[in-house]
PDB file of N, CA and C in Angstrom:
ATOM      1  N   MET A   1       0.510  -6.244  10.407  1.00  0.00           N
ATOM      2  CA  MET A   1       0.303  -5.030   9.643  1.00  0.00           C
ATOM      3  C   MET A   1      -0.062  -5.416   8.205  1.00  0.00           C
ATOM      4  N   ILE A   2      -0.926  -4.620   7.610  1.00  0.00           N
ATOM      5  CA  ILE A   2      -1.440  -4.844   6.265  1.00  0.00           C
ATOM      6  C   ILE A   2      -0.967  -3.715   5.353  1.00  0.00           C
ATOM      7  N   LEU A   3      -0.627  -4.067   4.121  1.00  0.00           N
ATOM      8  CA  LEU A   3      -0.262  -3.080   3.113  1.00  0.00           C
ATOM      9  C   LEU A   3      -1.411  -2.922   2.135  1.00  0.00           C
ATOM     10  N   GLU A   4      -1.905  -1.709   1.994  1.00  0.00           N
ATOM     11  CA  GLU A   4      -2.860  -1.373   0.937  1.00  0.00           C
ATOM     12  C   GLU A   4      -2.032  -0.841  -0.222  1.00  0.00           C
ATOM     13  N   LEU A   5      -2.222  -1.402  -1.401  1.00  0.00           N
ATOM     14  CA  LEU A   5      -1.531  -0.930  -2.599  1.00  0.00           C
ATOM     15  C   LEU A   5      -2.573  -0.421  -3.576  1.00  0.00           C
ATOM     16  N   ALA A   6      -2.476   0.869  -3.906  1.00  0.00           N
ATOM     17  CA  ALA A   6      -3.412   1.485  -4.849  1.00  0.00           C
ATOM     18  C   ALA A   6      -2.652   1.901  -6.092  1.00  0.00           C
ATOM     19  N   ASP A   7      -3.097   1.405  -7.237  1.00  0.00           N
ATOM     20  CA  ASP A   7      -2.539   1.759  -8.540  1.00  0.00           C
ATOM     21  C   ASP A   7      -3.422   2.868  -9.101  1.00  0.00           C
ATOM     22  N   ILE A   8      -2.876   4.084  -9.162  1.00  0.00           N
ATOM     23  CA  ILE A   8      -3.649   5.272  -9.519  1.00  0.00           C
ATOM     24  C   ILE A   8      -3.199   5.806 -10.872  1.00  0.00           C
ATOM     25  N   ARG A   9      -4.158   6.104 -11.732  1.00  0.00           N
ATOM     26  CA  ARG A   9      -3.886   6.748 -13.024  1.00  0.00           C
ATOM     27  C   ARG A   9      -4.563   8.109 -13.020  1.00  0.00           C
ATOM     28  N   ILE A  10      -3.778   9.152 -13.326  1.00  0.00           N
ATOM     29  CA  ILE A  10      -4.349  10.492 -13.366  1.00  0.00           C
ATOM     30  C   ILE A  10      -4.379  11.001 -14.805  1.00  0.00           C
ATOM     31  N   ARG A  11      -5.077  12.113 -14.998  1.00  0.00           N
ATOM     32  CA  ARG A  11      -5.150  12.722 -16.328  1.00  0.00           C
ATOM     33  C   ARG A  11      -3.791  13.310 -16.698  1.00  0.00           C
ATOM     34  N   PRO A  12      -3.401  13.215 -17.971  1.00  0.00           N
ATOM     35  CA  PRO A  12      -2.102  13.746 -18.413  1.00  0.00           C
ATOM     36  C   PRO A  12      -1.953  15.236 -18.103  1.00  0.00           C
ATOM     37  N   GLY A  13      -0.722  15.612 -17.754  1.00  0.00           N
ATOM     38  CA  GLY A  13      -0.386  17.002 -17.526  1.00  0.00           C
ATOM     39  C   GLY A  13      -0.731  17.537 -16.152  1.00  0.00           C
ATOM     40  N   GLU A  14      -1.246  16.699 -15.256  1.00  0.00           N
ATOM     41  CA  GLU A  14      -1.661  17.178 -13.938  1.00  0.00           C
ATOM     42  C   GLU A  14      -0.773  16.642 -12.810  1.00  0.00           C
ATOM     43  N   GLN A  15       0.426  16.185 -13.171  1.00  0.00           N
ATOM     44  CA  GLN A  15       1.305  15.571 -12.178  1.00  0.00           C
ATOM     45  C   GLN A  15       1.678  16.523 -11.046  1.00  0.00           C
ATOM     46  N   ALA A  16       2.067  17.743 -11.343  1.00  0.00           N
ATOM     47  CA  ALA A  16       2.507  18.669 -10.290  1.00  0.00           C
ATOM     48  C   ALA A  16       1.372  18.942  -9.303  1.00  0.00           C
ATOM     49  N   ALA A  17       0.193  19.190  -9.815  1.00  0.00           N
ATOM     50  CA  ALA A  17      -0.951  19.463  -8.940  1.00  0.00           C
ATOM     51  C   ALA A  17      -1.322  18.217  -8.144  1.00  0.00           C
ATOM     52  N   PHE A  18      -1.269  17.039  -8.782  1.00  0.00           N
ATOM     53  CA  PHE A  18      -1.606  15.808  -8.068  1.00  0.00           C
ATOM     54  C   PHE A  18      -0.560  15.482  -7.013  1.00  0.00           C
ATOM     55  N   ASP A  19       0.718  15.715  -7.315  1.00  0.00           N
ATOM     56  CA  ASP A  19       1.773  15.473  -6.322  1.00  0.00           C
ATOM     57  C   ASP A  19       1.461  16.227  -5.031  1.00  0.00           C
ATOM     58  N   GLU A  20       1.074  17.481  -5.165  1.00  0.00           N
ATOM     59  CA  GLU A  20       0.745  18.290  -3.999  1.00  0.00           C
ATOM     60  C   GLU A  20      -0.513  17.767  -3.315  1.00  0.00           C
ATOM     61  N   ALA A  21      -1.532  17.454  -4.101  1.00  0.00           N
ATOM     62  CA  ALA A  21      -2.815  17.018  -3.544  1.00  0.00           C
ATOM     63  C   ALA A  21      -2.692  15.695  -2.798  1.00  0.00           C
ATOM     64  N   ILE A  22      -1.977  14.737  -3.355  1.00  0.00           N
ATOM     65  CA  ILE A  22      -1.912  13.428  -2.699  1.00  0.00           C
ATOM     66  C   ILE A  22      -1.139  13.509  -1.386  1.00  0.00           C
ATOM     67  N   VAL A  23      -0.050  14.262  -1.364  1.00  0.00           N
ATOM     68  CA  VAL A  23       0.703  14.416  -0.115  1.00  0.00           C
ATOM     69  C   VAL A  23      -0.137  15.164   0.915  1.00  0.00           C
ATOM     70  N   ARG A  24      -0.831  16.202   0.499  1.00  0.00           N
ATOM     71  CA  ARG A  24      -1.702  16.952   1.420  1.00  0.00           C
ATOM     72  C   ARG A  24      -2.812  16.060   1.967  1.00  0.00           C
ATOM     73  N   GLY A  25      -3.446  15.275   1.097  1.00  0.00           N
ATOM     74  CA  GLY A  25      -4.516  14.390   1.542  1.00  0.00           C
ATOM     75  C   GLY A  25      -4.045  13.322   2.509  1.00  0.00           C
ATOM     76  N   LEU A  26      -2.869  12.782   2.247  1.00  0.00           N
ATOM     77  CA  LEU A  26      -2.320  11.757   3.134  1.00  0.00           C
ATOM     78  C   LEU A  26      -1.938  12.330   4.496  1.00  0.00           C
ATOM     79  N   THR A  27      -1.303  13.497   4.486  1.00  0.00           N
ATOM     80  CA  THR A  27      -0.811  14.057   5.748  1.00  0.00           C
ATOM     81  C   THR A  27      -1.909  14.712   6.580  1.00  0.00           C
ATOM     82  N   THR A  28      -2.953  15.236   5.938  1.00  0.00           N
ATOM     83  CA  THR A  28      -3.986  15.942   6.704  1.00  0.00           C
ATOM     84  C   THR A  28      -5.248  15.127   6.947  1.00  0.00           C
ATOM     85  N   VAL A  29      -5.513  14.121   6.110  1.00  0.00           N
ATOM     86  CA  VAL A  29      -6.766  13.370   6.242  1.00  0.00           C
ATOM     87  C   VAL A  29      -6.512  11.906   6.583  1.00  0.00           C
ATOM     88  N   VAL A  30      -5.860  11.174   5.699  1.00  0.00           N
ATOM     89  CA  VAL A  30      -5.686   9.731   5.897  1.00  0.00           C
ATOM     90  C   VAL A  30      -4.935   9.452   7.193  1.00  0.00           C
ATOM     91  N   SER A  31      -3.971  10.280   7.522  1.00  0.00           N
ATOM     92  CA  SER A  31      -3.171  10.056   8.733  1.00  0.00           C
ATOM     93  C   SER A  31      -3.995  10.112  10.017  1.00  0.00           C
ATOM     94  N   GLN A  32      -5.211  10.630   9.960  1.00  0.00           N
ATOM     95  CA  GLN A  32      -6.085  10.699  11.134  1.00  0.00           C
ATOM     96  C   GLN A  32      -6.839   9.387  11.383  1.00  0.00           C
ATOM     97  N   ALA A  33      -6.831   8.486  10.414  1.00  0.00           N
ATOM     98  CA  ALA A  33      -7.645   7.265  10.498  1.00  0.00           C
ATOM     99  C   ALA A  33      -7.106   6.294  11.544  1.00  0.00           C
ATOM    100  N   GLN A  34      -8.030   5.621  12.209  1.00  0.00           N
ATOM    101  CA  GLN A  34      -7.653   4.579  13.168  1.00  0.00           C
ATOM    102  C   GLN A  34      -6.938   3.456  12.434  1.00  0.00           C
ATOM    103  N   GLY A  35      -5.862   2.971  13.004  1.00  0.00           N
ATOM    104  CA  GLY A  35      -5.112   1.869  12.420  1.00  0.00           C
ATOM    105  C   GLY A  35      -4.120   2.285  11.356  1.00  0.00           C
ATOM    106  N   PHE A  36      -4.053   3.560  11.020  1.00  0.00           N
ATOM    107  CA  PHE A  36      -3.098   4.062  10.029  1.00  0.00           C
ATOM    108  C   PHE A  36      -1.695   4.009  10.619  1.00  0.00           C
ATOM    109  N   ARG A  37      -0.724   3.506   9.838  1.00  0.00           N
ATOM    110  CA  ARG A  37       0.649   3.383  10.323  1.00  0.00           C
ATOM    111  C   ARG A  37       1.679   4.110   9.460  1.00  0.00           C
ATOM    112  N   GLY A  38       1.349   4.486   8.246  1.00  0.00           N
ATOM    113  CA  GLY A  38       2.318   5.179   7.396  1.00  0.00           C
ATOM    114  C   GLY A  38       1.963   5.043   5.930  1.00  0.00           C
ATOM    115  N   TRP A  39       2.720   5.767   5.093  1.00  0.00           N
ATOM    116  CA  TRP A  39       2.428   5.752   3.664  1.00  0.00           C
ATOM    117  C   TRP A  39       3.702   5.992   2.858  1.00  0.00           C
ATOM    118  N   LYS A  40       3.596   5.661   1.576  1.00  0.00           N
ATOM    119  CA  LYS A  40       4.660   5.900   0.604  1.00  0.00           C
ATOM    120  C   LYS A  40       3.974   6.035  -0.745  1.00  0.00           C
ATOM    121  N   VAL A  41       4.398   6.992  -1.551  1.00  0.00           N
ATOM    122  CA  VAL A  41       3.808   7.157  -2.875  1.00  0.00           C
ATOM    123  C   VAL A  41       4.936   7.362  -3.889  1.00  0.00           C
ATOM    124  N   ASN A  42       4.808   6.682  -5.032  1.00  0.00           N
ATOM    125  CA  ASN A  42       5.785   6.783  -6.111  1.00  0.00           C
ATOM    126  C   ASN A  42       5.081   7.121  -7.417  1.00  0.00           C
ATOM    127  N   ARG A  43       5.733   7.965  -8.239  1.00  0.00           N
ATOM    128  CA  ARG A  43       5.225   8.295  -9.577  1.00  0.00           C
ATOM    129  C   ARG A  43       6.050   7.522 -10.603  1.00  0.00           C
ATOM    130  N   GLY A  44       5.374   7.032 -11.646  1.00  0.00           N
ATOM    131  CA  GLY A  44       6.048   6.286 -12.693  1.00  0.00           C
ATOM    132  C   GLY A  44       7.005   7.147 -13.500  1.00  0.00           C
ATOM    133  N   ILE A  45       8.071   6.557 -13.939  1.00  0.00           N
ATOM    134  CA  ILE A  45       9.024   7.246 -14.806  1.00  0.00           C
ATOM    135  C   ILE A  45       8.601   7.068 -16.257  1.00  0.00           C
ATOM    136  N   GLU A  46       8.404   5.830 -16.678  1.00  0.00           N
ATOM    137  CA  GLU A  46       7.954   5.584 -18.044  1.00  0.00           C
ATOM    138  C   GLU A  46       6.502   6.005 -18.253  1.00  0.00           C
ATOM    139  N   SER A  47       5.714   5.939 -17.197  1.00  0.00           N
ATOM    140  CA  SER A  47       4.292   6.315 -17.240  1.00  0.00           C
ATOM    141  C   SER A  47       4.046   7.367 -16.156  1.00  0.00           C
ATOM    142  N   PRO A  48       4.349   8.642 -16.427  1.00  0.00           N
ATOM    143  CA  PRO A  48       4.272   9.660 -15.372  1.00  0.00           C
ATOM    144  C   PRO A  48       2.864   9.968 -14.874  1.00  0.00           C
ATOM    145  N   GLU A  49       1.847   9.417 -15.507  1.00  0.00           N
ATOM    146  CA  GLU A  49       0.472   9.575 -15.019  1.00  0.00           C
ATOM    147  C   GLU A  49       0.073   8.429 -14.095  1.00  0.00           C
ATOM    148  N   ARG A  50       1.008   7.520 -13.828  1.00  0.00           N
ATOM    149  CA  ARG A  50       0.728   6.366 -12.975  1.00  0.00           C
ATOM    150  C   ARG A  50       1.426   6.536 -11.629  1.00  0.00           C
ATOM    151  N   TYR A  51       0.680   6.298 -10.568  1.00  0.00           N
ATOM    152  CA  TYR A  51       1.196   6.395  -9.205  1.00  0.00           C
ATOM    153  C   TYR A  51       0.912   5.099  -8.475  1.00  0.00           C
ATOM    154  N   LEU A  52       1.855   4.688  -7.627  1.00  0.00           N
ATOM    155  CA  LEU A  52       1.648   3.564  -6.732  1.00  0.00           C
ATOM    156  C   LEU A  52       1.652   4.101  -5.309  1.00  0.00           C
ATOM    157  N   LEU A  53       0.518   3.977  -4.664  1.00  0.00           N
ATOM    158  CA  LEU A  53       0.350   4.442  -3.296  1.00  0.00           C
ATOM    159  C   LEU A  53       0.348   3.236  -2.370  1.00  0.00           C
ATOM    160  N   GLN A  54       1.194   3.285  -1.350  1.00  0.00           N
ATOM    161  CA  GLN A  54       1.238   2.245  -0.330  1.00  0.00           C
ATOM    162  C   GLN A  54       0.833   2.873   0.995  1.00  0.00           C
ATOM    163  N   ILE A  55      -0.159   2.283   1.625  1.00  0.00           N
ATOM    164  CA  ILE A  55      -0.562   2.721   2.959  1.00  0.00           C
ATOM    165  C   ILE A  55      -0.525   1.506   3.876  1.00  0.00           C
ATOM    166  N   PHE A  56       0.067   1.692   5.033  1.00  0.00           N
ATOM    167  CA  PHE A  56       0.196   0.624   6.014  1.00  0.00           C
ATOM    168  C   PHE A  56      -0.877   0.795   7.084  1.00  0.00           C
ATOM    169  N   TRP A  57      -1.628  -0.290   7.319  1.00  0.00           N
ATOM    170  CA  TRP A  57      -2.739  -0.303   8.267  1.00  0.00           C
ATOM    171  C   TRP A  57      -2.521  -1.434   9.268  1.00  0.00           C
ATOM    172  N   ASP A  58      -3.128  -1.291  10.447  1.00  0.00           N
ATOM    173  CA  ASP A  58      -3.097  -2.389  11.414  1.00  0.00           C
ATOM    174  C   ASP A  58      -3.879  -3.590  10.895  1.00  0.00           C
ATOM    175  N   SER A  59      -5.009  -3.329  10.204  1.00  0.00           N
ATOM    176  CA  SER A  59      -5.851  -4.416   9.705  1.00  0.00           C
ATOM    177  C   SER A  59      -6.587  -3.974   8.447  1.00  0.00           C
ATOM    178  N   VAL A  60      -7.103  -4.937   7.706  1.00  0.00           N
ATOM    179  CA  VAL A  60      -7.915  -4.643   6.522  1.00  0.00           C
ATOM    180  C   VAL A  60      -9.170  -3.884   6.938  1.00  0.00           C
ATOM    181  N   ASP A  61      -9.757  -4.251   8.079  1.00  0.00           N
ATOM    182  CA  ASP A  61     -10.954  -3.546   8.554  1.00  0.00           C
ATOM    183  C   ASP A  61     -10.676  -2.078   8.865  1.00  0.00           C
ATOM    184  N   ASP A  62      -9.469  -1.764   9.341  1.00  0.00           N
ATOM    185  CA  ASP A  62      -9.149  -0.357   9.581  1.00  0.00           C
ATOM    186  C   ASP A  62      -9.270   0.439   8.282  1.00  0.00           C
ATOM    187  N   HIS A  63      -8.895  -0.166   7.173  1.00  0.00           N
ATOM    188  CA  HIS A  63      -9.025   0.512   5.884  1.00  0.00           C
ATOM    189  C   HIS A  63     -10.446   0.430   5.339  1.00  0.00           C
ATOM    190  N   ASN A  64     -10.944  -0.799   5.175  1.00  0.00           N
ATOM    191  CA  ASN A  64     -12.234  -0.996   4.500  1.00  0.00           C
ATOM    192  C   ASN A  64     -13.439  -0.524   5.298  1.00  0.00           C
ATOM    193  N   VAL A  65     -13.421  -0.717   6.596  1.00  0.00           N
ATOM    194  CA  VAL A  65     -14.573  -0.372   7.425  1.00  0.00           C
ATOM    195  C   VAL A  65     -14.379   1.004   8.064  1.00  0.00           C
ATOM    196  N   GLY A  66     -13.297   1.162   8.828  1.00  0.00           N
ATOM    197  CA  GLY A  66     -13.079   2.402   9.553  1.00  0.00           C
ATOM    198  C   GLY A  66     -12.861   3.607   8.655  1.00  0.00           C
ATOM    199  N   PHE A  67     -11.931   3.487   7.711  1.00  0.00           N
ATOM    200  CA  PHE A  67     -11.612   4.631   6.850  1.00  0.00           C
ATOM    201  C   PHE A  67     -12.622   4.799   5.727  1.00  0.00           C
ATOM    202  N   ARG A  68     -12.801   3.767   4.928  1.00  0.00           N
ATOM    203  CA  ARG A  68     -13.699   3.891   3.772  1.00  0.00           C
ATOM    204  C   ARG A  68     -15.155   4.073   4.179  1.00  0.00           C
ATOM    205  N   GLY A  69     -15.532   3.555   5.333  1.00  0.00           N
ATOM    206  CA  GLY A  69     -16.906   3.677   5.789  1.00  0.00           C
ATOM    207  C   GLY A  69     -17.184   4.924   6.607  1.00  0.00           C
ATOM    208  N   GLY A  70     -16.156   5.740   6.828  1.00  0.00           N
ATOM    209  CA  GLY A  70     -16.320   6.928   7.656  1.00  0.00           C
ATOM    210  C   GLY A  70     -16.167   8.218   6.867  1.00  0.00           C
ATOM    211  N   PRO A  71     -16.262   9.348   7.553  1.00  0.00           N
ATOM    212  CA  PRO A  71     -16.230  10.654   6.900  1.00  0.00           C
ATOM    213  C   PRO A  71     -14.875  11.035   6.306  1.00  0.00           C
ATOM    214  N   LEU A  72     -13.792  10.436   6.788  1.00  0.00           N
ATOM    215  CA  LEU A  72     -12.476  10.780   6.250  1.00  0.00           C
ATOM    216  C   LEU A  72     -12.338  10.391   4.782  1.00  0.00           C
ATOM    217  N   PHE A  73     -12.979   9.297   4.375  1.00  0.00           N
ATOM    218  CA  PHE A  73     -12.864   8.859   2.983  1.00  0.00           C
ATOM    219  C   PHE A  73     -13.407   9.914   2.024  1.00  0.00           C
ATOM    220  N   ALA A  74     -14.531  10.525   2.340  1.00  0.00           N
ATOM    221  CA  ALA A  74     -15.099  11.561   1.467  1.00  0.00           C
ATOM    222  C   ALA A  74     -14.161  12.767   1.387  1.00  0.00           C
ATOM    223  N   GLN A  75     -13.532  13.113   2.508  1.00  0.00           N
ATOM    224  CA  GLN A  75     -12.580  14.229   2.496  1.00  0.00           C
ATOM    225  C   GLN A  75     -11.373  13.909   1.614  1.00  0.00           C
ATOM    226  N   TRP A  76     -10.872  12.692   1.734  1.00  0.00           N
ATOM    227  CA  TRP A  76      -9.735  12.223   0.939  1.00  0.00           C
ATOM    228  C   TRP A  76     -10.059  12.261  -0.552  1.00  0.00           C
ATOM    229  N   ARG A  77     -11.211  11.707  -0.911  1.00  0.00           N
ATOM    230  CA  ARG A  77     -11.592  11.676  -2.332  1.00  0.00           C
ATOM    231  C   ARG A  77     -11.849  13.063  -2.891  1.00  0.00           C
ATOM    232  N   ALA A  78     -12.312  13.992  -2.067  1.00  0.00           N
ATOM    233  CA  ALA A  78     -12.519  15.363  -2.534  1.00  0.00           C
ATOM    234  C   ALA A  78     -11.185  16.012  -2.911  1.00  0.00           C
ATOM    235  N   ILE A  79     -10.116  15.624  -2.251  1.00  0.00           N
ATOM    236  CA  ILE A  79      -8.791  16.187  -2.533  1.00  0.00           C
ATOM    237  C   ILE A  79      -8.156  15.535  -3.750  1.00  0.00           C
ATOM    238  N   VAL A  80      -8.173  14.202  -3.830  1.00  0.00           N
ATOM    239  CA  VAL A  80      -7.445  13.507  -4.898  1.00  0.00           C
ATOM    240  C   VAL A  80      -8.316  13.057  -6.069  1.00  0.00           C
ATOM    241  N   GLY A  81      -9.587  12.829  -5.815  1.00  0.00           N
ATOM    242  CA  GLY A  81     -10.481  12.292  -6.836  1.00  0.00           C
ATOM    243  C   GLY A  81     -10.579  13.088  -8.121  1.00  0.00           C
ATOM    244  N   PRO A  82     -10.556  14.409  -8.081  1.00  0.00           N
ATOM    245  CA  PRO A  82     -10.678  15.178  -9.322  1.00  0.00           C
ATOM    246  C   PRO A  82      -9.566  14.909 -10.347  1.00  0.00           C
ATOM    247  N   TYR A  83      -8.464  14.333  -9.925  1.00  0.00           N
ATOM    248  CA  TYR A  83      -7.341  14.073 -10.824  1.00  0.00           C
ATOM    249  C   TYR A  83      -7.396  12.694 -11.483  1.00  0.00           C
ATOM    250  N   PHE A  84      -8.235  11.791 -10.958  1.00  0.00           N
ATOM    251  CA  PHE A  84      -8.245  10.410 -11.437  1.00  0.00           C
ATOM    252  C   PHE A  84      -8.723  10.319 -12.890  1.00  0.00           C
ATOM    253  N   ALA A  85      -7.977   9.570 -13.691  1.00  0.00           N
ATOM    254  CA  ALA A  85      -8.407   9.259 -15.047  1.00  0.00           C
ATOM    255  C   ALA A  85      -9.363   8.069 -15.023  1.00  0.00           C
ATOM    256  N   SER A  86      -9.220   7.216 -14.014  1.00  0.00           N
ATOM    257  CA  SER A  86     -10.082   6.049 -13.804  1.00  0.00           C
ATOM    258  C   SER A  86     -10.004   5.703 -12.323  1.00  0.00           C
ATOM    259  N   PRO A  87     -10.958   4.913 -11.834  1.00  0.00           N
ATOM    260  CA  PRO A  87     -10.903   4.540 -10.413  1.00  0.00           C
ATOM    261  C   PRO A  87      -9.622   3.758 -10.096  1.00  0.00           C
ATOM    262  N   PRO A  88      -8.983   4.033  -8.970  1.00  0.00           N
ATOM    263  CA  PRO A  88      -7.780   3.285  -8.591  1.00  0.00           C
ATOM    264  C   PRO A  88      -8.078   1.804  -8.399  1.00  0.00           C
ATOM    265  N   GLN A  89      -7.089   0.991  -8.695  1.00  0.00           N
ATOM    266  CA  GLN A  89      -7.153  -0.439  -8.410  1.00  0.00           C
ATOM    267  C   GLN A  89      -6.494  -0.655  -7.058  1.00  0.00           C
ATOM    268  N   VAL A  90      -7.231  -1.228  -6.109  1.00  0.00           N
ATOM    269  CA  VAL A  90      -6.739  -1.352  -4.737  1.00  0.00           C
ATOM    270  C   VAL A  90      -6.758  -2.815  -4.305  1.00  0.00           C
ATOM    271  N   GLU A  91      -5.657  -3.246  -3.686  1.00  0.00           N
ATOM    272  CA  GLU A  91      -5.558  -4.585  -3.107  1.00  0.00           C
ATOM    273  C   GLU A  91      -4.831  -4.486  -1.769  1.00  0.00           C
ATOM    274  N   HIS A  92      -4.979  -5.524  -0.962  1.00  0.00           N
ATOM    275  CA  HIS A  92      -4.328  -5.596   0.342  1.00  0.00           C
ATOM    276  C   HIS A  92      -3.349  -6.770   0.364  1.00  0.00           C
ATOM    277  N   PHE A  93      -2.249  -6.577   1.075  1.00  0.00           N
ATOM    278  CA  PHE A  93      -1.195  -7.591   1.151  1.00  0.00           C
ATOM    279  C   PHE A  93      -0.723  -7.732   2.590  1.00  0.00           C
ATOM    280  N   GLU A  94      -0.229  -8.944   2.907  1.00  0.00           N
ATOM    281  CA  GLU A  94       0.395  -9.154   4.199  1.00  0.00           C
ATOM    282  C   GLU A  94       1.841  -9.549   3.974  1.00  0.00           C
ATOM    283  N   LEU A  95       2.700  -9.170   4.882  1.00  0.00           N
ATOM    284  CA  LEU A  95       4.147  -9.381   4.760  1.00  0.00           C
ATOM    285  C   LEU A  95       4.499 -10.863   4.905  1.00  0.00           C
ATOM    286  N   VAL A  96       5.317 -11.316   3.984  1.00  0.00           N
ATOM    287  CA  VAL A  96       5.837 -12.682   4.025  1.00  0.00           C
ATOM    288  C   VAL A  96       7.273 -12.674   4.519  1.00  0.00           C
ATOM    289  N   GLY A  97       8.046 -11.672   4.098  1.00  0.00           N
ATOM    290  CA  GLY A  97       9.441 -11.533   4.496  1.00  0.00           C
ATOM    291  C   GLY A  97       9.988 -10.211   4.009  1.00  0.00           C
ATOM    292  N   LYS A  98      11.147  -9.815   4.522  1.00  0.00           N
ATOM    293  CA  LYS A  98      11.796  -8.580   4.083  1.00  0.00           C
ATOM    294  C   LYS A  98      13.277  -8.628   4.405  1.00  0.00           C
ATOM    295  N   SER A  99      14.033  -7.725   3.791  1.00  0.00           N
ATOM    296  CA  SER A  99      15.439  -7.589   4.105  1.00  0.00           C
ATOM    297  C   SER A  99      15.657  -6.276   4.838  1.00  0.00           C
ATOM    298  N   ALA A 100      16.720  -6.210   5.556  1.00  0.00           N
ATOM    299  CA  ALA A 100      17.122  -5.033   6.330  1.00  0.00           C
ATOM    300  C   ALA A 100      15.931  -4.302   6.780  1.00  0.00           C
TER     301      ALA A 100
END
């Protein structure tokens, strides 16, 4: 399993609307993608315009090719993109170890 980590910065004062939009986009659009396994999103305390989005995929290709290269990506960006202050920084990670 692969972890996609997206560091998202939104425009100030739009946290409540973005909170709703990101959860809606994840549950109605991203969750339909092949290889999708789950998600988690956190908002910064010291930086409330900063969000860390974690999406779990079967493979990097499920994200980069299947999702980003297909029609679901445009639907996702239409929901969350209007809030972005800058393009998200996205990287992929593989698990080395974990507790409990």
